Amino acid sequence: MSERLSLEEVLREHGVPLITLGVKASEEDCLKLRERLMAIRNLTAGKEQGYLEVACTFYVDVHDIDRYLSGELPNLAEIYAFPEDIKSFKE
């Protein structure tokens, strides 16, 4: 369904990124999400595939960066996903 671009493809198509923001999740959270996504496939006899859709905007300003670099903040921003963010894709 989704295809990840390699770093070389990103550089070729878009140029050098200003910043790279990573998305991390605990193993427990990954397993819970995987279970929900697999349930969609199982309930539809493999006709649909589950995926997590996150569309968001967040803002990082100089104050946020300074607080992050000083150790006051654990990260620059967080993205939260909720059950309604689970979607299905008909194959």
C-alpha atoms as a PDB file:
ATOM      1  CA  MET A   1       0.000   0.000   0.000  1.00  0.00           C
ATOM      2  CA  SER A   2       2.513   2.622   1.082  1.00  0.00           C
ATOM      3  CA  GLU A   3       5.986   2.865  -0.318  1.00  0.00           C
ATOM      4  CA  ARG A   4       8.883   4.418   1.506  1.00  0.00           C
ATOM      5  CA  LEU A   5      11.364   6.516  -0.395  1.00  0.00           C
ATOM      6  CA  SER A   6      15.043   5.872   0.136  1.00  0.00           C
ATOM      7  CA  LEU A   7      17.211   8.789   1.261  1.00  0.00           C
ATOM      8  CA  GLU A   8      18.703   8.892  -2.231  1.00  0.00           C
ATOM      9  CA  GLU A   9      15.223   9.226  -3.769  1.00  0.00           C
ATOM     10  CA  VAL A  10      14.276  11.985  -1.332  1.00  0.00           C
ATOM     11  CA  LEU A  11      17.461  13.896  -2.136  1.00  0.00           C
ATOM     12  CA  ARG A  12      16.955  13.459  -5.877  1.00  0.00           C
ATOM     13  CA  GLU A  13      13.281  14.478  -5.836  1.00  0.00           C
ATOM     14  CA  HIS A  14      13.200  17.121  -3.100  1.00  0.00           C
ATOM     15  CA  GLY A  15      16.760  18.192  -2.295  1.00  0.00           C
ATOM     16  CA  VAL A  16      18.409  18.227   1.106  1.00  0.00           C
ATOM     17  CA  PRO A  17      15.877  18.234   3.963  1.00  0.00           C
ATOM     18  CA  LEU A  18      16.016  21.012   6.517  1.00  0.00           C
ATOM     19  CA  ILE A  19      15.351  18.598   9.389  1.00  0.00           C
ATOM     20  CA  THR A  20      14.437  14.963   9.894  1.00  0.00           C
ATOM     21  CA  LEU A  21      11.672  14.248  12.385  1.00  0.00           C
ATOM     22  CA  GLY A  22      11.351  10.660  13.548  1.00  0.00           C
ATOM     23  CA  VAL A  23       8.275   8.884  14.837  1.00  0.00           C
ATOM     24  CA  LYS A  24       8.913   6.381  17.607  1.00  0.00           C
ATOM     25  CA  ALA A  25       6.632   4.096  19.564  1.00  0.00           C
ATOM     26  CA  SER A  26       7.194   1.633  22.364  1.00  0.00           C
ATOM     27  CA  GLU A  27       7.123  -2.056  21.551  1.00  0.00           C
ATOM     28  CA  GLU A  28       3.868  -2.347  23.513  1.00  0.00           C
ATOM     29  CA  ASP A  29       2.249   0.454  21.500  1.00  0.00           C
ATOM     30  CA  CYS A  30       3.441  -1.093  18.228  1.00  0.00           C
ATOM     31  CA  LEU A  31       1.991  -4.464  19.158  1.00  0.00           C
ATOM     32  CA  LYS A  32      -1.361  -2.891  20.139  1.00  0.00           C
ATOM     33  CA  LEU A  33      -1.526  -0.991  16.844  1.00  0.00           C
ATOM     34  CA  ARG A  34      -0.524  -4.090  14.879  1.00  0.00           C
ATOM     35  CA  GLU A  35      -3.303  -6.048  16.576  1.00  0.00           C
ATOM     36  CA  ARG A  36      -5.913  -3.438  15.588  1.00  0.00           C
ATOM     37  CA  LEU A  37      -4.657  -3.315  12.006  1.00  0.00           C
ATOM     38  CA  MET A  38      -4.631  -7.106  11.696  1.00  0.00           C
ATOM     39  CA  ALA A  39      -8.186  -7.252  13.085  1.00  0.00           C
ATOM     40  CA  ILE A  40      -9.396  -5.262  10.058  1.00  0.00           C
ATOM     41  CA  ARG A  41      -7.788  -7.763   7.716  1.00  0.00           C
ATOM     42  CA  ASN A  42      -9.155 -10.704   9.668  1.00  0.00           C
ATOM     43  CA  LEU A  43     -12.701  -9.286   9.862  1.00  0.00           C
ATOM     44  CA  THR A  44     -12.803  -8.660   6.110  1.00  0.00           C
ATOM     45  CA  ALA A  45     -11.295 -12.026   5.141  1.00  0.00           C
ATOM     46  CA  GLY A  46      -8.224 -10.259   3.749  1.00  0.00           C
ATOM     47  CA  LYS A  47     -10.193  -7.926   1.478  1.00  0.00           C
ATOM     48  CA  GLU A  48      -9.201  -4.804   3.390  1.00  0.00           C
ATOM     49  CA  GLN A  49      -5.965  -3.737   4.991  1.00  0.00           C
ATOM     50  CA  GLY A  50      -5.759  -1.568   8.093  1.00  0.00           C
ATOM     51  CA  TYR A  51      -3.487   1.439   8.363  1.00  0.00           C
ATOM     52  CA  LEU A  52      -2.944   4.385  10.662  1.00  0.00           C
ATOM     53  CA  GLU A  53      -3.645   7.779   9.127  1.00  0.00           C
ATOM     54  CA  VAL A  54      -2.062  10.754  10.834  1.00  0.00           C
ATOM     55  CA  ALA A  55      -2.491  14.156   9.251  1.00  0.00           C
ATOM     56  CA  CYS A  56      -1.176  16.880  11.483  1.00  0.00           C
ATOM     57  CA  THR A  57       0.393  20.268  11.759  1.00  0.00           C
ATOM     58  CA  PHE A  58       2.628  21.251  14.595  1.00  0.00           C
ATOM     59  CA  TYR A  59       4.746  24.283  15.176  1.00  0.00           C
ATOM     60  CA  VAL A  60       8.301  24.457  16.512  1.00  0.00           C
ATOM     61  CA  ASP A  61       9.666  27.862  17.433  1.00  0.00           C
ATOM     62  CA  VAL A  62      13.019  29.050  18.742  1.00  0.00           C
ATOM     63  CA  HIS A  63      11.774  28.837  22.328  1.00  0.00           C
ATOM     64  CA  ASP A  64      10.838  25.164  21.803  1.00  0.00           C
ATOM     65  CA  ILE A  65      14.251  24.411  20.313  1.00  0.00           C
ATOM     66  CA  ASP A  66      16.070  26.143  23.174  1.00  0.00           C
ATOM     67  CA  ARG A  67      13.996  24.287  25.783  1.00  0.00           C
ATOM     68  CA  TYR A  68      14.614  20.965  23.979  1.00  0.00           C
ATOM     69  CA  LEU A  69      18.361  21.538  23.676  1.00  0.00           C
ATOM     70  CA  SER A  70      18.615  22.514  27.350  1.00  0.00           C
ATOM     71  CA  GLY A  71      16.900  19.263  28.343  1.00  0.00           C
ATOM     72  CA  GLU A  72      13.745  20.949  29.635  1.00  0.00           C
ATOM     73  CA  LEU A  73      11.606  19.244  26.960  1.00  0.00           C
ATOM     74  CA  PRO A  74      11.940  15.521  26.118  1.00  0.00           C
ATOM     75  CA  ASN A  75      11.317  16.199  22.400  1.00  0.00           C
ATOM     76  CA  LEU A  76      10.368  18.949  19.992  1.00  0.00           C
ATOM     77  CA  ALA A  77       6.808  17.745  19.470  1.00  0.00           C
ATOM     78  CA  GLU A  78       4.576  14.722  19.947  1.00  0.00           C
ATOM     79  CA  ILE A  79       1.945  13.231  17.700  1.00  0.00           C
ATOM     80  CA  TYR A  80      -0.932  11.351  19.294  1.00  0.00           C
ATOM     81  CA  ALA A  81      -3.075   8.817  17.438  1.00  0.00           C
ATOM     82  CA  PHE A  82      -6.562   7.720  18.452  1.00  0.00           C
ATOM     83  CA  PRO A  83      -8.844   4.823  17.458  1.00  0.00           C
ATOM     84  CA  GLU A  84     -10.630   6.974  14.872  1.00  0.00           C
ATOM     85  CA  ASP A  85      -7.270   7.349  13.081  1.00  0.00           C
ATOM     86  CA  ILE A  86      -7.386   3.656  12.139  1.00  0.00           C
ATOM     87  CA  LYS A  87      -8.593   3.338   8.556  1.00  0.00           C
ATOM     88  CA  SER A  88      -9.076   0.492   6.106  1.00  0.00           C
ATOM     89  CA  PHE A  89      -7.997   0.183   2.504  1.00  0.00           C
ATOM     90  CA  LYS A  90      -9.807  -2.159   0.129  1.00  0.00           C
ATOM     91  CA  GLU A  91      -7.317  -4.184  -1.859  1.00  0.00           C
END
